N, C-alpha and C. Protein backbone atom coordinates (compact mmCIF):
# COMPACT_ATOMS: atom_id res chain seq x y z
N MET A 1 0.85 -1.19 0.00
CA MET A 1 0.00 0.00 0.00
C MET A 1 0.89 1.24 0.00
N LEU A 2 0.72 2.07 -1.01
CA LEU A 2 1.46 3.32 -1.09
C LEU A 2 0.88 4.31 -0.08
N ILE A 3 1.75 4.94 0.71
CA ILE A 3 1.31 5.95 1.68
C ILE A 3 2.14 7.21 1.46
N HIS A 4 1.53 8.22 0.88
CA HIS A 4 2.20 9.51 0.75
C HIS A 4 2.33 10.16 2.13
N PRO A 5 3.30 11.05 2.30
CA PRO A 5 3.47 11.69 3.62
C PRO A 5 2.22 12.36 4.13
N TRP A 6 1.43 12.96 3.24
CA TRP A 6 0.23 13.69 3.68
C TRP A 6 -0.93 12.75 4.04
N ASP A 7 -0.80 11.48 3.67
CA ASP A 7 -1.83 10.50 4.00
C ASP A 7 -1.48 9.66 5.23
N ALA A 8 -0.28 9.79 5.73
CA ALA A 8 0.17 8.95 6.85
C ALA A 8 -0.53 9.35 8.15
N ALA A 9 -0.70 8.37 9.04
CA ALA A 9 -1.26 8.66 10.36
C ALA A 9 -0.36 9.63 11.11
N ARG A 10 -0.97 10.54 11.86
CA ARG A 10 -0.19 11.52 12.61
C ARG A 10 0.58 10.86 13.74
N ASP A 11 -0.02 9.83 14.34
CA ASP A 11 0.61 9.12 15.45
C ASP A 11 -0.15 7.81 15.65
N ASP A 12 0.31 7.00 16.59
CA ASP A 12 -0.35 5.72 16.85
C ASP A 12 -1.77 5.90 17.35
N ASP A 13 -2.00 6.96 18.12
CA ASP A 13 -3.35 7.16 18.67
C ASP A 13 -4.38 7.29 17.56
N GLU A 14 -4.01 7.95 16.46
CA GLU A 14 -4.99 8.18 15.40
C GLU A 14 -5.49 6.86 14.81
N TRP A 15 -4.58 5.98 14.44
CA TRP A 15 -5.04 4.73 13.82
C TRP A 15 -5.61 3.77 14.86
N GLN A 16 -5.09 3.81 16.10
CA GLN A 16 -5.62 2.91 17.12
C GLN A 16 -7.05 3.26 17.49
N GLN A 17 -7.36 4.55 17.59
CA GLN A 17 -8.73 4.95 17.89
C GLN A 17 -9.67 4.56 16.75
N TRP A 18 -9.21 4.73 15.53
CA TRP A 18 -10.04 4.35 14.39
C TRP A 18 -10.26 2.84 14.37
N LEU A 19 -9.20 2.07 14.61
CA LEU A 19 -9.31 0.62 14.57
C LEU A 19 -10.21 0.11 15.68
N GLY A 20 -10.22 0.79 16.82
CA GLY A 20 -11.08 0.37 17.91
C GLY A 20 -12.55 0.39 17.56
N ALA A 21 -12.90 1.23 16.59
CA ALA A 21 -14.30 1.34 16.16
C ALA A 21 -14.56 0.62 14.85
N HIS A 22 -13.54 -0.02 14.29
CA HIS A 22 -13.68 -0.74 13.02
C HIS A 22 -13.06 -2.12 13.22
N ASP A 23 -13.88 -3.06 13.64
CA ASP A 23 -13.39 -4.35 14.10
C ASP A 23 -13.83 -5.50 13.20
N PHE A 24 -13.98 -5.20 11.91
CA PHE A 24 -14.25 -6.24 10.92
C PHE A 24 -13.30 -6.02 9.76
N GLY A 25 -12.55 -7.06 9.38
CA GLY A 25 -11.58 -6.92 8.31
C GLY A 25 -11.40 -8.21 7.55
N GLN A 26 -10.28 -8.29 6.84
CA GLN A 26 -9.96 -9.48 6.06
C GLN A 26 -8.56 -9.95 6.43
N LEU A 27 -8.45 -11.22 6.75
CA LEU A 27 -7.17 -11.83 7.11
C LEU A 27 -6.61 -12.50 5.86
N ALA A 28 -5.43 -12.04 5.44
CA ALA A 28 -4.77 -12.60 4.25
C ALA A 28 -3.67 -13.55 4.69
N VAL A 29 -3.72 -14.78 4.16
CA VAL A 29 -2.78 -15.83 4.51
C VAL A 29 -2.17 -16.37 3.22
N ASN A 30 -0.85 -16.48 3.17
CA ASN A 30 -0.20 -17.03 1.99
C ASN A 30 -0.69 -18.45 1.73
N GLY A 31 -0.99 -18.75 0.46
CA GLY A 31 -1.42 -20.10 0.12
C GLY A 31 -0.25 -21.06 0.09
N LEU A 32 -0.56 -22.34 0.18
CA LEU A 32 0.46 -23.36 0.01
C LEU A 32 0.95 -23.33 -1.45
N PRO A 33 2.10 -23.93 -1.75
CA PRO A 33 2.61 -23.92 -3.12
C PRO A 33 1.54 -24.37 -4.13
N GLY A 34 1.37 -23.57 -5.17
CA GLY A 34 0.38 -23.89 -6.19
C GLY A 34 -1.01 -23.42 -5.88
N GLU A 35 -1.22 -22.80 -4.69
CA GLU A 35 -2.53 -22.31 -4.30
C GLU A 35 -2.53 -20.79 -4.24
N PRO A 36 -3.69 -20.16 -4.48
CA PRO A 36 -3.78 -18.72 -4.28
C PRO A 36 -3.81 -18.40 -2.79
N PRO A 37 -3.61 -17.11 -2.42
CA PRO A 37 -3.72 -16.73 -1.02
C PRO A 37 -5.15 -16.95 -0.50
N HIS A 38 -5.26 -17.15 0.80
CA HIS A 38 -6.56 -17.21 1.46
C HIS A 38 -6.89 -15.81 1.97
N VAL A 39 -8.12 -15.37 1.78
CA VAL A 39 -8.58 -14.07 2.29
C VAL A 39 -9.87 -14.33 3.05
N GLN A 40 -9.80 -14.21 4.36
CA GLN A 40 -10.92 -14.59 5.24
C GLN A 40 -11.54 -13.36 5.90
N PRO A 41 -12.81 -13.02 5.58
CA PRO A 41 -13.49 -11.95 6.31
C PRO A 41 -13.76 -12.40 7.75
N LEU A 42 -13.58 -11.48 8.71
CA LEU A 42 -13.82 -11.87 10.11
C LEU A 42 -13.95 -10.66 11.03
N HIS A 43 -14.66 -10.88 12.13
CA HIS A 43 -14.64 -9.95 13.25
C HIS A 43 -13.40 -10.24 14.10
N PHE A 44 -12.86 -9.22 14.73
CA PHE A 44 -11.71 -9.40 15.61
C PHE A 44 -11.79 -8.35 16.72
N ALA A 45 -11.05 -8.60 17.78
CA ALA A 45 -10.94 -7.63 18.87
C ALA A 45 -9.48 -7.22 18.99
N TYR A 46 -9.20 -5.94 18.78
CA TYR A 46 -7.83 -5.43 18.85
C TYR A 46 -7.53 -4.94 20.26
N ASP A 47 -6.38 -5.34 20.78
CA ASP A 47 -5.94 -4.96 22.13
C ASP A 47 -4.64 -4.19 21.99
N ALA A 48 -4.71 -2.86 22.11
CA ALA A 48 -3.51 -2.03 21.93
C ALA A 48 -2.47 -2.30 23.01
N GLU A 49 -2.90 -2.55 24.23
CA GLU A 49 -1.95 -2.76 25.32
C GLU A 49 -1.15 -4.04 25.12
N ARG A 50 -1.80 -5.08 24.63
CA ARG A 50 -1.11 -6.35 24.39
C ARG A 50 -0.46 -6.42 23.01
N GLY A 51 -0.81 -5.47 22.14
CA GLY A 51 -0.26 -5.49 20.80
C GLY A 51 -0.71 -6.68 19.98
N GLU A 52 -1.99 -7.03 20.10
CA GLU A 52 -2.50 -8.19 19.37
C GLU A 52 -3.98 -8.03 19.08
N ALA A 53 -4.42 -8.82 18.11
CA ALA A 53 -5.84 -8.95 17.83
C ALA A 53 -6.21 -10.41 18.05
N VAL A 54 -7.42 -10.65 18.52
CA VAL A 54 -7.86 -12.03 18.75
C VAL A 54 -9.12 -12.30 17.94
N THR A 55 -9.22 -13.54 17.46
CA THR A 55 -10.38 -13.95 16.70
C THR A 55 -10.46 -15.47 16.74
N HIS A 56 -11.43 -16.04 16.05
CA HIS A 56 -11.54 -17.49 15.96
C HIS A 56 -12.23 -17.85 14.67
N LEU A 57 -11.99 -19.07 14.21
CA LEU A 57 -12.59 -19.57 12.99
C LEU A 57 -13.00 -21.01 13.18
N ALA A 58 -13.88 -21.48 12.32
CA ALA A 58 -14.33 -22.87 12.39
C ALA A 58 -13.18 -23.83 12.08
N ARG A 59 -13.15 -24.93 12.76
CA ARG A 59 -12.08 -25.92 12.55
C ARG A 59 -12.02 -26.40 11.10
N PRO A 60 -13.15 -26.56 10.37
CA PRO A 60 -13.05 -27.03 8.98
C PRO A 60 -12.55 -25.98 7.99
N ASN A 61 -12.27 -24.76 8.45
CA ASN A 61 -11.84 -23.71 7.52
C ASN A 61 -10.60 -24.18 6.74
N PRO A 62 -10.57 -24.01 5.41
CA PRO A 62 -9.46 -24.53 4.62
C PRO A 62 -8.15 -23.76 4.75
N LEU A 63 -8.15 -22.63 5.45
CA LEU A 63 -6.90 -21.87 5.53
C LEU A 63 -5.91 -22.40 6.57
N TRP A 64 -6.34 -23.30 7.48
CA TRP A 64 -5.47 -23.72 8.57
C TRP A 64 -4.13 -24.31 8.11
N PRO A 65 -4.09 -25.23 7.15
CA PRO A 65 -2.79 -25.77 6.74
C PRO A 65 -1.84 -24.69 6.22
N ALA A 66 -2.38 -23.72 5.46
CA ALA A 66 -1.54 -22.65 4.94
C ALA A 66 -1.04 -21.75 6.07
N LEU A 67 -1.91 -21.45 7.03
CA LEU A 67 -1.52 -20.58 8.14
C LEU A 67 -0.46 -21.25 9.01
N GLU A 68 -0.59 -22.55 9.24
CA GLU A 68 0.40 -23.25 10.06
C GLU A 68 1.74 -23.35 9.33
N ALA A 69 1.69 -23.40 7.99
CA ALA A 69 2.94 -23.46 7.22
C ALA A 69 3.61 -22.10 7.16
N GLU A 70 2.82 -21.02 7.18
CA GLU A 70 3.37 -19.66 7.12
C GLU A 70 2.53 -18.75 8.00
N PRO A 71 2.97 -18.54 9.25
CA PRO A 71 2.16 -17.74 10.19
C PRO A 71 2.31 -16.23 10.03
N ASP A 72 3.08 -15.78 9.04
CA ASP A 72 3.21 -14.35 8.76
C ASP A 72 2.00 -13.92 7.94
N VAL A 73 1.06 -13.19 8.55
CA VAL A 73 -0.22 -12.88 7.92
C VAL A 73 -0.47 -11.38 7.94
N LEU A 74 -1.51 -10.96 7.22
CA LEU A 74 -1.88 -9.55 7.17
C LEU A 74 -3.36 -9.40 7.46
N LEU A 75 -3.69 -8.58 8.44
CA LEU A 75 -5.08 -8.24 8.74
C LEU A 75 -5.34 -6.85 8.18
N SER A 76 -6.27 -6.76 7.24
CA SER A 76 -6.54 -5.51 6.53
C SER A 76 -7.94 -5.01 6.84
N VAL A 77 -8.03 -3.72 7.18
CA VAL A 77 -9.32 -3.10 7.49
C VAL A 77 -9.44 -1.82 6.66
N VAL A 78 -10.53 -1.68 5.93
CA VAL A 78 -10.78 -0.50 5.09
C VAL A 78 -12.21 -0.03 5.33
N ASP A 79 -12.37 1.29 5.50
CA ASP A 79 -13.73 1.85 5.65
C ASP A 79 -13.67 3.35 5.42
N ASP A 80 -14.78 4.01 5.64
CA ASP A 80 -14.92 5.46 5.45
C ASP A 80 -14.47 5.86 4.05
N TYR A 81 -14.83 5.02 3.07
CA TYR A 81 -14.41 5.25 1.69
C TYR A 81 -15.54 5.91 0.89
N VAL A 82 -15.15 6.79 -0.02
CA VAL A 82 -16.10 7.46 -0.90
C VAL A 82 -15.44 7.68 -2.26
N TYR A 83 -16.27 7.79 -3.27
CA TYR A 83 -15.80 8.19 -4.59
C TYR A 83 -15.87 9.71 -4.68
N VAL A 84 -14.81 10.31 -5.22
CA VAL A 84 -14.73 11.77 -5.36
C VAL A 84 -14.74 12.13 -6.84
N PRO A 85 -15.80 12.76 -7.33
CA PRO A 85 -15.85 13.16 -8.74
C PRO A 85 -14.75 14.15 -9.10
N GLY A 86 -14.31 14.10 -10.35
CA GLY A 86 -13.22 14.96 -10.80
C GLY A 86 -13.44 16.44 -10.55
N PRO A 87 -14.61 17.00 -10.88
CA PRO A 87 -14.80 18.45 -10.70
C PRO A 87 -14.58 18.92 -9.26
N TRP A 88 -14.81 18.06 -8.28
CA TRP A 88 -14.61 18.46 -6.89
C TRP A 88 -13.15 18.76 -6.61
N GLN A 89 -12.25 18.12 -7.35
CA GLN A 89 -10.82 18.25 -7.07
C GLN A 89 -10.10 19.19 -8.04
N ALA A 90 -10.83 19.87 -8.90
CA ALA A 90 -10.19 20.75 -9.87
C ALA A 90 -9.39 21.85 -9.17
N PRO A 91 -8.17 22.15 -9.62
CA PRO A 91 -7.41 23.25 -9.04
C PRO A 91 -8.18 24.57 -9.18
N PRO A 92 -7.93 25.52 -8.30
CA PRO A 92 -8.68 26.79 -8.33
C PRO A 92 -8.62 27.51 -9.67
N ASP A 93 -7.52 27.36 -10.40
CA ASP A 93 -7.35 28.10 -11.66
C ASP A 93 -7.63 27.24 -12.89
N ALA A 94 -8.30 26.09 -12.71
CA ALA A 94 -8.57 25.18 -13.82
C ALA A 94 -10.06 24.97 -13.99
N PRO A 95 -10.50 24.61 -15.22
CA PRO A 95 -11.92 24.31 -15.43
C PRO A 95 -12.33 23.08 -14.61
N PRO A 96 -13.57 22.99 -14.16
CA PRO A 96 -14.01 21.84 -13.35
C PRO A 96 -13.76 20.51 -14.04
N GLU A 97 -13.91 20.46 -15.36
CA GLU A 97 -13.75 19.19 -16.07
C GLU A 97 -12.31 18.70 -16.10
N HIS A 98 -11.38 19.50 -15.64
CA HIS A 98 -9.97 19.09 -15.59
C HIS A 98 -9.61 18.46 -14.25
N GLY A 99 -10.53 18.42 -13.33
CA GLY A 99 -10.26 17.79 -12.04
C GLY A 99 -10.09 16.29 -12.18
N VAL A 100 -9.31 15.71 -11.29
CA VAL A 100 -9.00 14.27 -11.35
C VAL A 100 -9.87 13.51 -10.35
N PRO A 101 -10.69 12.56 -10.82
CA PRO A 101 -11.47 11.74 -9.87
C PRO A 101 -10.54 10.90 -8.99
N THR A 102 -11.00 10.57 -7.81
CA THR A 102 -10.18 9.77 -6.90
C THR A 102 -11.07 9.07 -5.88
N SER A 103 -10.44 8.38 -4.97
CA SER A 103 -11.12 7.74 -3.84
C SER A 103 -10.55 8.31 -2.55
N PHE A 104 -11.40 8.51 -1.56
CA PHE A 104 -10.97 8.79 -0.20
C PHE A 104 -11.24 7.54 0.62
N TYR A 105 -10.37 7.23 1.56
CA TYR A 105 -10.58 6.06 2.42
C TYR A 105 -9.60 6.06 3.58
N THR A 106 -9.92 5.26 4.57
CA THR A 106 -8.99 4.94 5.65
C THR A 106 -8.68 3.45 5.55
N ALA A 107 -7.39 3.13 5.69
CA ALA A 107 -6.95 1.74 5.65
C ALA A 107 -5.90 1.51 6.72
N VAL A 108 -6.08 0.45 7.48
CA VAL A 108 -5.08 0.03 8.46
C VAL A 108 -4.73 -1.43 8.18
N GLN A 109 -3.45 -1.69 8.01
CA GLN A 109 -2.97 -3.04 7.76
C GLN A 109 -2.06 -3.47 8.89
N LEU A 110 -2.42 -4.56 9.53
CA LEU A 110 -1.62 -5.10 10.62
C LEU A 110 -0.88 -6.35 10.12
N ARG A 111 0.43 -6.25 10.05
CA ARG A 111 1.21 -7.45 9.76
C ARG A 111 1.40 -8.18 11.08
N CYS A 112 1.07 -9.45 11.08
CA CYS A 112 1.02 -10.18 12.35
C CYS A 112 1.70 -11.54 12.23
N THR A 113 2.12 -12.04 13.38
CA THR A 113 2.50 -13.43 13.52
C THR A 113 1.33 -14.14 14.17
N ALA A 114 0.79 -15.13 13.46
CA ALA A 114 -0.41 -15.83 13.94
C ALA A 114 -0.04 -16.96 14.89
N HIS A 115 -0.75 -17.03 16.01
CA HIS A 115 -0.58 -18.11 16.98
C HIS A 115 -1.91 -18.84 17.12
N VAL A 116 -1.93 -20.11 16.74
CA VAL A 116 -3.16 -20.90 16.81
C VAL A 116 -3.41 -21.33 18.26
N VAL A 117 -4.63 -21.18 18.70
CA VAL A 117 -5.01 -21.53 20.07
C VAL A 117 -5.94 -22.75 20.02
N ASP A 118 -5.47 -23.88 20.52
CA ASP A 118 -6.27 -25.11 20.52
C ASP A 118 -6.61 -25.61 21.92
N ASP A 119 -5.90 -25.12 22.94
CA ASP A 119 -6.23 -25.54 24.30
C ASP A 119 -7.64 -25.07 24.65
N PRO A 120 -8.50 -25.97 25.11
CA PRO A 120 -9.90 -25.61 25.36
C PRO A 120 -10.07 -24.43 26.32
N ALA A 121 -9.32 -24.42 27.41
CA ALA A 121 -9.46 -23.32 28.38
C ALA A 121 -8.99 -22.00 27.77
N GLU A 122 -7.91 -22.04 26.98
CA GLU A 122 -7.41 -20.82 26.34
C GLU A 122 -8.39 -20.34 25.28
N LYS A 123 -9.02 -21.27 24.57
CA LYS A 123 -10.04 -20.87 23.59
C LYS A 123 -11.22 -20.20 24.28
N ALA A 124 -11.64 -20.75 25.39
CA ALA A 124 -12.76 -20.15 26.12
C ALA A 124 -12.42 -18.73 26.56
N ALA A 125 -11.21 -18.54 27.05
CA ALA A 125 -10.79 -17.21 27.49
C ALA A 125 -10.74 -16.24 26.31
N LEU A 126 -10.26 -16.73 25.16
CA LEU A 126 -10.20 -15.89 23.97
C LEU A 126 -11.60 -15.49 23.52
N LEU A 127 -12.53 -16.46 23.53
CA LEU A 127 -13.90 -16.15 23.14
C LEU A 127 -14.52 -15.12 24.08
N ASN A 128 -14.25 -15.24 25.34
CA ASN A 128 -14.81 -14.29 26.31
C ASN A 128 -14.23 -12.89 26.09
N ARG A 129 -12.97 -12.82 25.68
CA ARG A 129 -12.38 -11.51 25.35
C ARG A 129 -13.09 -10.90 24.16
N GLN A 130 -13.35 -11.72 23.14
CA GLN A 130 -14.05 -11.21 21.96
C GLN A 130 -15.46 -10.73 22.30
N VAL A 131 -16.20 -11.56 23.03
CA VAL A 131 -17.57 -11.19 23.37
C VAL A 131 -17.57 -9.94 24.25
N GLY A 132 -16.58 -9.84 25.15
CA GLY A 132 -16.49 -8.66 26.00
C GLY A 132 -16.28 -7.39 25.19
N HIS A 133 -15.56 -7.52 24.07
CA HIS A 133 -15.35 -6.35 23.20
C HIS A 133 -16.64 -5.96 22.49
N PHE A 134 -17.34 -6.95 21.93
CA PHE A 134 -18.51 -6.66 21.13
C PHE A 134 -19.78 -6.48 21.96
N GLN A 135 -19.82 -7.07 23.16
CA GLN A 135 -20.99 -6.95 24.03
C GLN A 135 -20.57 -6.50 25.43
N PRO A 136 -20.04 -5.28 25.54
CA PRO A 136 -19.62 -4.82 26.87
C PRO A 136 -20.79 -4.75 27.86
N GLU A 137 -22.00 -4.70 27.33
CA GLU A 137 -23.19 -4.66 28.20
C GLU A 137 -23.56 -6.04 28.71
N GLY A 138 -22.86 -7.08 28.23
CA GLY A 138 -23.16 -8.44 28.69
C GLY A 138 -24.34 -9.02 27.93
N GLY A 139 -25.04 -9.93 28.59
CA GLY A 139 -26.22 -10.54 27.98
C GLY A 139 -26.01 -11.95 27.48
N SER A 140 -24.75 -12.41 27.43
CA SER A 140 -24.47 -13.79 27.01
C SER A 140 -23.70 -14.50 28.11
N ALA A 141 -23.90 -15.79 28.19
CA ALA A 141 -23.16 -16.58 29.17
C ALA A 141 -21.69 -16.63 28.80
N SER A 142 -20.84 -16.84 29.79
CA SER A 142 -19.41 -16.99 29.53
C SER A 142 -19.12 -18.38 29.00
N ALA A 143 -18.11 -18.47 28.14
CA ALA A 143 -17.67 -19.77 27.64
C ALA A 143 -16.78 -20.42 28.69
N ALA A 144 -16.99 -21.68 28.97
CA ALA A 144 -16.18 -22.42 29.94
C ALA A 144 -16.14 -23.88 29.51
N VAL A 145 -14.99 -24.51 29.70
CA VAL A 145 -14.81 -25.91 29.29
C VAL A 145 -15.80 -26.80 30.04
N GLY A 146 -16.53 -27.63 29.31
CA GLY A 146 -17.44 -28.61 29.90
C GLY A 146 -18.71 -28.04 30.47
N GLU A 147 -18.96 -26.74 30.23
CA GLU A 147 -20.15 -26.11 30.79
C GLU A 147 -21.06 -25.62 29.68
N GLU A 148 -22.35 -25.70 29.93
CA GLU A 148 -23.33 -25.17 29.00
C GLU A 148 -23.37 -23.65 29.12
N PRO A 149 -23.73 -22.93 28.05
CA PRO A 149 -24.21 -23.50 26.79
C PRO A 149 -23.13 -23.65 25.71
N TYR A 150 -21.90 -23.12 25.98
CA TYR A 150 -20.93 -23.03 24.89
C TYR A 150 -19.80 -24.06 24.97
N GLY A 151 -19.66 -24.73 26.10
CA GLY A 151 -18.54 -25.64 26.27
C GLY A 151 -18.48 -26.72 25.20
N ARG A 152 -19.62 -27.20 24.77
CA ARG A 152 -19.63 -28.28 23.78
C ARG A 152 -19.26 -27.80 22.39
N PHE A 153 -19.22 -26.48 22.18
CA PHE A 153 -18.87 -25.97 20.85
C PHE A 153 -17.38 -25.70 20.69
N LEU A 154 -16.63 -25.75 21.79
CA LEU A 154 -15.22 -25.36 21.73
C LEU A 154 -14.42 -26.25 20.78
N SER A 155 -14.78 -27.53 20.69
CA SER A 155 -14.02 -28.43 19.83
C SER A 155 -14.21 -28.11 18.35
N GLY A 156 -15.22 -27.35 18.02
CA GLY A 156 -15.50 -27.05 16.62
C GLY A 156 -14.81 -25.80 16.10
N ILE A 157 -14.05 -25.12 16.95
CA ILE A 157 -13.37 -23.89 16.52
C ILE A 157 -11.90 -23.95 16.90
N ARG A 158 -11.13 -23.05 16.31
CA ARG A 158 -9.74 -22.83 16.70
C ARG A 158 -9.56 -21.34 16.91
N GLY A 159 -8.86 -20.97 17.96
CA GLY A 159 -8.63 -19.57 18.23
C GLY A 159 -7.39 -19.06 17.52
N LEU A 160 -7.31 -17.74 17.39
CA LEU A 160 -6.16 -17.10 16.77
C LEU A 160 -5.76 -15.87 17.57
N ARG A 161 -4.51 -15.84 17.97
CA ARG A 161 -3.91 -14.61 18.50
C ARG A 161 -3.01 -14.06 17.40
N LEU A 162 -3.28 -12.83 16.99
CA LEU A 162 -2.51 -12.20 15.94
C LEU A 162 -1.58 -11.17 16.56
N GLU A 163 -0.33 -11.56 16.74
CA GLU A 163 0.68 -10.70 17.36
C GLU A 163 1.15 -9.67 16.33
N VAL A 164 0.89 -8.39 16.59
CA VAL A 164 1.19 -7.33 15.63
C VAL A 164 2.69 -7.03 15.63
N VAL A 165 3.29 -7.10 14.44
CA VAL A 165 4.72 -6.82 14.31
C VAL A 165 4.98 -5.57 13.47
N GLU A 166 3.98 -5.12 12.72
CA GLU A 166 4.14 -3.91 11.90
C GLU A 166 2.77 -3.36 11.57
N VAL A 167 2.67 -2.03 11.51
CA VAL A 167 1.40 -1.38 11.20
C VAL A 167 1.61 -0.38 10.07
N ARG A 168 0.71 -0.42 9.10
CA ARG A 168 0.68 0.59 8.04
C ARG A 168 -0.72 1.19 8.03
N ALA A 169 -0.78 2.50 8.21
CA ALA A 169 -2.07 3.19 8.32
C ALA A 169 -2.11 4.35 7.34
N LYS A 170 -3.25 4.50 6.69
CA LYS A 170 -3.41 5.52 5.66
C LYS A 170 -4.76 6.21 5.81
N PHE A 171 -4.72 7.56 5.79
CA PHE A 171 -5.94 8.37 5.83
C PHE A 171 -5.90 9.27 4.59
N LYS A 172 -6.53 8.80 3.53
CA LYS A 172 -6.44 9.48 2.22
C LYS A 172 -7.63 10.42 2.07
N TYR A 173 -7.40 11.71 2.42
CA TYR A 173 -8.48 12.69 2.39
C TYR A 173 -8.00 14.05 1.89
N ALA A 174 -7.10 14.06 0.91
CA ALA A 174 -6.68 15.30 0.24
C ALA A 174 -6.08 16.33 1.19
N SER A 175 -5.34 15.87 2.18
CA SER A 175 -4.73 16.79 3.14
C SER A 175 -3.70 17.72 2.51
N HIS A 176 -3.22 17.37 1.32
CA HIS A 176 -2.19 18.18 0.65
C HIS A 176 -2.77 19.18 -0.34
N LYS A 177 -4.08 19.19 -0.51
CA LYS A 177 -4.70 20.07 -1.50
C LYS A 177 -4.81 21.50 -0.97
N PRO A 178 -4.89 22.49 -1.88
CA PRO A 178 -5.08 23.88 -1.46
C PRO A 178 -6.36 24.04 -0.64
N GLU A 179 -6.38 25.02 0.23
CA GLU A 179 -7.53 25.24 1.10
C GLU A 179 -8.82 25.42 0.30
N GLN A 180 -8.74 26.10 -0.82
CA GLN A 180 -9.94 26.32 -1.62
C GLN A 180 -10.52 25.00 -2.11
N VAL A 181 -9.66 24.08 -2.50
CA VAL A 181 -10.12 22.78 -2.96
C VAL A 181 -10.69 21.98 -1.78
N GLN A 182 -10.03 22.05 -0.63
CA GLN A 182 -10.53 21.33 0.53
C GLN A 182 -11.89 21.88 0.97
N ASP A 183 -12.06 23.18 0.91
CA ASP A 183 -13.36 23.77 1.25
C ASP A 183 -14.44 23.23 0.32
N ARG A 184 -14.12 23.13 -0.97
CA ARG A 184 -15.08 22.62 -1.94
C ARG A 184 -15.42 21.16 -1.64
N LEU A 185 -14.40 20.36 -1.32
CA LEU A 185 -14.62 18.95 -1.01
C LEU A 185 -15.53 18.79 0.20
N VAL A 186 -15.29 19.55 1.23
CA VAL A 186 -16.11 19.48 2.44
C VAL A 186 -17.56 19.83 2.11
N ALA A 187 -17.75 20.88 1.32
CA ALA A 187 -19.11 21.30 0.97
C ALA A 187 -19.81 20.26 0.10
N GLU A 188 -19.09 19.69 -0.85
CA GLU A 188 -19.70 18.71 -1.76
C GLU A 188 -20.06 17.42 -1.03
N LEU A 189 -19.20 16.99 -0.11
CA LEU A 189 -19.51 15.79 0.66
C LEU A 189 -20.76 16.00 1.51
N ALA A 190 -20.87 17.19 2.11
CA ALA A 190 -22.04 17.49 2.92
C ALA A 190 -23.30 17.53 2.06
N ALA A 191 -23.20 18.10 0.87
CA ALA A 191 -24.36 18.22 0.00
C ALA A 191 -24.79 16.85 -0.54
N ARG A 192 -23.83 15.99 -0.87
CA ARG A 192 -24.19 14.69 -1.42
C ARG A 192 -24.84 13.79 -0.37
N GLY A 193 -24.27 13.77 0.83
CA GLY A 193 -24.89 13.05 1.94
C GLY A 193 -25.01 11.56 1.74
N GLY A 194 -24.02 10.94 1.09
CA GLY A 194 -24.04 9.50 0.90
C GLY A 194 -23.77 8.75 2.19
N SER A 195 -23.80 7.43 2.12
CA SER A 195 -23.73 6.60 3.33
C SER A 195 -22.43 6.78 4.10
N ARG A 196 -21.34 7.09 3.41
CA ARG A 196 -20.06 7.27 4.10
C ARG A 196 -19.51 8.69 3.96
N ASP A 197 -20.28 9.57 3.35
CA ASP A 197 -19.80 10.93 3.12
C ASP A 197 -19.54 11.69 4.41
N ALA A 198 -20.39 11.51 5.42
CA ALA A 198 -20.20 12.23 6.68
C ALA A 198 -18.90 11.82 7.35
N ALA A 199 -18.59 10.51 7.35
CA ALA A 199 -17.34 10.06 7.97
C ALA A 199 -16.13 10.59 7.21
N ALA A 200 -16.19 10.57 5.87
CA ALA A 200 -15.08 11.09 5.07
C ALA A 200 -14.90 12.58 5.32
N ARG A 201 -16.01 13.30 5.42
CA ARG A 201 -15.94 14.75 5.67
C ARG A 201 -15.31 15.03 7.04
N GLU A 202 -15.67 14.23 8.04
CA GLU A 202 -15.09 14.42 9.37
C GLU A 202 -13.58 14.19 9.34
N HIS A 203 -13.14 13.17 8.62
CA HIS A 203 -11.70 12.94 8.51
C HIS A 203 -11.01 14.12 7.85
N GLN A 204 -11.60 14.63 6.79
CA GLN A 204 -10.97 15.73 6.08
C GLN A 204 -10.86 16.97 6.96
N LEU A 205 -11.92 17.28 7.69
CA LEU A 205 -11.89 18.43 8.59
C LEU A 205 -10.89 18.22 9.72
N ARG A 206 -10.86 17.01 10.26
CA ARG A 206 -9.98 16.72 11.39
C ARG A 206 -8.51 16.77 11.00
N ARG A 207 -8.20 16.37 9.77
CA ARG A 207 -6.81 16.27 9.35
C ARG A 207 -6.28 17.52 8.64
N ARG A 208 -7.03 18.57 8.63
CA ARG A 208 -6.53 19.81 8.04
C ARG A 208 -5.27 20.25 8.77
N GLY A 209 -4.26 20.61 8.02
CA GLY A 209 -3.01 21.05 8.62
C GLY A 209 -2.06 19.94 8.96
N VAL A 210 -2.46 18.68 8.70
CA VAL A 210 -1.58 17.56 9.02
C VAL A 210 -0.35 17.56 8.11
N TRP A 211 -0.48 18.12 6.90
CA TRP A 211 0.64 18.15 5.96
C TRP A 211 1.20 19.56 5.91
N SER A 212 2.48 19.68 6.26
CA SER A 212 3.14 20.99 6.29
C SER A 212 3.99 21.25 5.08
N GLY A 213 3.94 20.34 4.08
CA GLY A 213 4.72 20.52 2.86
C GLY A 213 4.17 21.63 2.00
N ALA A 214 4.89 21.97 0.94
CA ALA A 214 4.48 23.04 0.06
C ALA A 214 3.18 22.67 -0.66
N ARG A 215 2.30 23.65 -0.82
CA ARG A 215 1.05 23.45 -1.53
C ARG A 215 1.06 24.29 -2.80
């Protein structure tokens, strides 16, 4: 993923806060020789203090042999994306039709070392961590080995601890554009009011001034 200086995260807090609210992504695992990569959509719980994400998958999932052969994986999360029509990005001294269409989006990629969790008690603890993230209000029984209602399901899943070894974060919202162009983009996003336009507009407003290079 190409990350221009003006699109880079300002600090770890910026991408960690965003990731805390975006907990569904795709886990990419190198395929075995002669096979394509595996790309698995999944929910996960990211723990900044431990530097890891936790998740689980069904035991019959076909990616397990590939993951065990190569535990170097990538967890990719993308959201707050919008299409930007060319006229919105036209330079102040150019005709609208000369503007270049583009995409705005946030992307966080976690390169991880995957650790498979098969011990029943450790799987139960991992599941409880996940449920605690997604249901902080409670409402579900805790998973425990040999106990209803979830103990009998533990054998059908395998847990995953994804130890984060590298992070690449990108906030692509025209932070390097002239103020006049950014003002136009903010106004057009507000006027269009699409499903992700408000989030993209908030990013653009929040990141104004993040790039100190020449404009």
